[in-house]
Amino acid sequence: MPTAAGLAEAIKDEFGVDSKLIEGSGGVFDVHVDGTQIWSKHDIGRFPEHKEILSKIKGMPAKTR
């Protein structure tokens, strides 16, 4: 969970929002914002860089984020 915790901290620093981390198994690493999936390690094949997630969140309509 170190990768998830680091990303959660980056989201808090950038947006002032606490993230909810849900432990999974089998290498699952998905990122959802208000029910919308914005990243899936399974689909993309790798962990995201923090800047990739922050950029995706910034690009979302204000209502969603």
N, C-alpha and C. Protein backbone atom coordinates (compact mmCIF):
# COMPACT_ATOMS: atom_id res chain seq x y z
N MET A 1 0.80 -1.21 0.00
CA MET A 1 0.00 0.00 0.00
C MET A 1 0.84 1.28 0.00
N PRO A 2 2.16 1.18 -0.02
CA PRO A 2 2.95 2.43 -0.05
C PRO A 2 2.65 3.30 -1.27
N THR A 3 2.43 2.67 -2.43
CA THR A 3 2.12 3.45 -3.63
C THR A 3 0.79 4.17 -3.45
N ALA A 4 -0.20 3.48 -2.94
CA ALA A 4 -1.52 4.07 -2.73
C ALA A 4 -1.46 5.18 -1.69
N ALA A 5 -0.71 4.96 -0.62
CA ALA A 5 -0.60 5.98 0.43
C ALA A 5 0.09 7.23 -0.11
N GLY A 6 1.10 7.05 -0.92
CA GLY A 6 1.80 8.19 -1.51
C GLY A 6 0.89 8.98 -2.45
N LEU A 7 0.08 8.27 -3.23
CA LEU A 7 -0.85 8.94 -4.12
C LEU A 7 -1.94 9.65 -3.32
N ALA A 8 -2.42 9.02 -2.27
CA ALA A 8 -3.43 9.66 -1.41
C ALA A 8 -2.89 10.96 -0.82
N GLU A 9 -1.64 10.97 -0.43
CA GLU A 9 -1.01 12.18 0.11
C GLU A 9 -0.89 13.26 -0.97
N ALA A 10 -0.52 12.85 -2.19
CA ALA A 10 -0.42 13.82 -3.29
C ALA A 10 -1.78 14.44 -3.60
N ILE A 11 -2.84 13.64 -3.55
CA ILE A 11 -4.20 14.15 -3.78
C ILE A 11 -4.58 15.13 -2.68
N LYS A 12 -4.25 14.79 -1.44
CA LYS A 12 -4.57 15.68 -0.33
C LYS A 12 -3.82 17.01 -0.47
N ASP A 13 -2.54 16.93 -0.82
CA ASP A 13 -1.73 18.15 -0.99
C ASP A 13 -2.28 19.04 -2.11
N GLU A 14 -2.70 18.41 -3.21
CA GLU A 14 -3.14 19.17 -4.38
C GLU A 14 -4.57 19.70 -4.24
N PHE A 15 -5.47 18.88 -3.67
CA PHE A 15 -6.89 19.23 -3.67
C PHE A 15 -7.49 19.40 -2.27
N GLY A 16 -6.73 19.07 -1.23
CA GLY A 16 -7.24 19.18 0.13
C GLY A 16 -8.31 18.15 0.45
N VAL A 17 -8.25 17.01 -0.22
CA VAL A 17 -9.26 15.97 -0.08
C VAL A 17 -8.61 14.71 0.49
N ASP A 18 -9.25 14.13 1.49
CA ASP A 18 -8.78 12.85 2.03
C ASP A 18 -9.29 11.72 1.13
N SER A 19 -8.41 10.81 0.78
CA SER A 19 -8.77 9.67 -0.06
C SER A 19 -9.12 8.48 0.82
N LYS A 20 -9.99 7.65 0.33
CA LYS A 20 -10.35 6.42 1.02
C LYS A 20 -9.59 5.29 0.34
N LEU A 21 -8.71 4.62 1.07
CA LEU A 21 -7.95 3.52 0.52
C LEU A 21 -8.64 2.21 0.88
N ILE A 22 -8.86 1.38 -0.12
CA ILE A 22 -9.50 0.08 0.08
C ILE A 22 -8.51 -0.99 -0.36
N GLU A 23 -8.10 -1.81 0.58
CA GLU A 23 -7.12 -2.84 0.27
C GLU A 23 -7.74 -3.90 -0.62
N GLY A 24 -7.02 -4.28 -1.64
CA GLY A 24 -7.47 -5.32 -2.56
C GLY A 24 -6.48 -6.46 -2.58
N SER A 25 -6.61 -7.32 -3.56
CA SER A 25 -5.68 -8.42 -3.70
C SER A 25 -5.42 -8.68 -5.18
N GLY A 26 -4.39 -9.41 -5.46
CA GLY A 26 -4.10 -9.78 -6.84
C GLY A 26 -3.57 -8.65 -7.69
N GLY A 27 -2.95 -7.65 -7.09
CA GLY A 27 -2.36 -6.57 -7.85
C GLY A 27 -3.33 -5.52 -8.34
N VAL A 28 -4.51 -5.48 -7.76
CA VAL A 28 -5.51 -4.49 -8.16
C VAL A 28 -5.07 -3.11 -7.70
N PHE A 29 -5.16 -2.13 -8.60
CA PHE A 29 -4.89 -0.74 -8.26
C PHE A 29 -5.75 0.12 -9.15
N ASP A 30 -6.92 0.46 -8.65
CA ASP A 30 -7.88 1.30 -9.37
C ASP A 30 -8.02 2.61 -8.63
N VAL A 31 -8.29 3.66 -9.39
CA VAL A 31 -8.55 4.98 -8.80
C VAL A 31 -9.93 5.43 -9.28
N HIS A 32 -10.78 5.76 -8.32
CA HIS A 32 -12.13 6.23 -8.61
C HIS A 32 -12.31 7.61 -7.99
N VAL A 33 -13.01 8.48 -8.69
CA VAL A 33 -13.37 9.80 -8.18
C VAL A 33 -14.89 9.89 -8.24
N ASP A 34 -15.51 9.98 -7.08
CA ASP A 34 -16.97 10.04 -6.98
C ASP A 34 -17.65 8.98 -7.84
N GLY A 35 -17.15 7.75 -7.76
CA GLY A 35 -17.76 6.64 -8.48
C GLY A 35 -17.32 6.46 -9.91
N THR A 36 -16.52 7.37 -10.42
CA THR A 36 -16.02 7.27 -11.80
C THR A 36 -14.59 6.73 -11.77
N GLN A 37 -14.36 5.61 -12.43
CA GLN A 37 -13.01 5.05 -12.49
C GLN A 37 -12.17 5.88 -13.45
N ILE A 38 -11.01 6.34 -12.94
CA ILE A 38 -10.12 7.13 -13.80
C ILE A 38 -8.80 6.40 -14.07
N TRP A 39 -8.56 5.28 -13.39
CA TRP A 39 -7.34 4.50 -13.63
C TRP A 39 -7.57 3.07 -13.21
N SER A 40 -7.08 2.14 -13.99
CA SER A 40 -7.08 0.73 -13.63
C SER A 40 -5.75 0.12 -14.05
N LYS A 41 -5.00 -0.35 -13.07
CA LYS A 41 -3.72 -1.00 -13.38
C LYS A 41 -3.96 -2.22 -14.26
N HIS A 42 -5.06 -2.90 -14.04
CA HIS A 42 -5.39 -4.08 -14.84
C HIS A 42 -5.55 -3.71 -16.32
N ASP A 43 -6.24 -2.61 -16.60
CA ASP A 43 -6.46 -2.19 -17.98
C ASP A 43 -5.22 -1.59 -18.63
N ILE A 44 -4.46 -0.81 -17.85
CA ILE A 44 -3.33 -0.08 -18.41
C ILE A 44 -2.02 -0.85 -18.28
N GLY A 45 -1.93 -1.71 -17.26
CA GLY A 45 -0.78 -2.59 -17.13
C GLY A 45 0.35 -2.06 -16.26
N ARG A 46 0.09 -0.95 -15.57
CA ARG A 46 1.13 -0.40 -14.70
C ARG A 46 0.51 0.54 -13.67
N PHE A 47 1.31 0.84 -12.64
CA PHE A 47 0.89 1.83 -11.67
C PHE A 47 0.98 3.22 -12.29
N PRO A 48 0.12 4.14 -11.87
CA PRO A 48 0.19 5.49 -12.42
C PRO A 48 1.27 6.32 -11.74
N GLU A 49 1.76 7.29 -12.46
CA GLU A 49 2.58 8.34 -11.85
C GLU A 49 1.60 9.28 -11.16
N HIS A 50 2.01 9.87 -10.06
CA HIS A 50 1.13 10.79 -9.33
C HIS A 50 0.60 11.88 -10.26
N LYS A 51 1.48 12.42 -11.10
CA LYS A 51 1.07 13.52 -11.98
C LYS A 51 -0.02 13.09 -12.97
N GLU A 52 -0.03 11.82 -13.35
CA GLU A 52 -1.07 11.35 -14.26
C GLU A 52 -2.45 11.40 -13.60
N ILE A 53 -2.51 10.96 -12.36
CA ILE A 53 -3.78 10.97 -11.64
C ILE A 53 -4.21 12.40 -11.33
N LEU A 54 -3.29 13.22 -10.87
CA LEU A 54 -3.63 14.61 -10.56
C LEU A 54 -4.13 15.33 -11.80
N SER A 55 -3.54 15.07 -12.94
CA SER A 55 -3.96 15.68 -14.19
C SER A 55 -5.36 15.22 -14.58
N LYS A 56 -5.64 13.92 -14.42
CA LYS A 56 -6.96 13.41 -14.75
C LYS A 56 -8.02 14.03 -13.85
N ILE A 57 -7.71 14.18 -12.56
CA ILE A 57 -8.67 14.79 -11.64
C ILE A 57 -8.90 16.25 -12.02
N LYS A 58 -7.84 16.97 -12.33
CA LYS A 58 -7.98 18.37 -12.73
C LYS A 58 -8.83 18.53 -13.97
N GLY A 59 -8.77 17.54 -14.87
CA GLY A 59 -9.52 17.60 -16.12
C GLY A 59 -10.98 17.22 -15.99
N MET A 60 -11.39 16.77 -14.81
CA MET A 60 -12.78 16.37 -14.61
C MET A 60 -13.66 17.59 -14.38
N PRO A 61 -14.93 17.50 -14.77
CA PRO A 61 -15.86 18.60 -14.46
C PRO A 61 -15.90 18.85 -12.95
N ALA A 62 -16.07 20.07 -12.56
CA ALA A 62 -16.04 20.45 -11.15
C ALA A 62 -17.04 19.67 -10.31
N LYS A 63 -18.20 19.32 -10.85
CA LYS A 63 -19.20 18.56 -10.10
C LYS A 63 -18.67 17.21 -9.70
N THR A 64 -17.88 16.58 -10.56
CA THR A 64 -17.38 15.24 -10.31
C THR A 64 -16.28 15.23 -9.28
N ARG A 65 -15.45 16.23 -9.29
CA ARG A 65 -14.35 16.24 -8.34
C ARG A 65 -14.69 17.14 -7.22
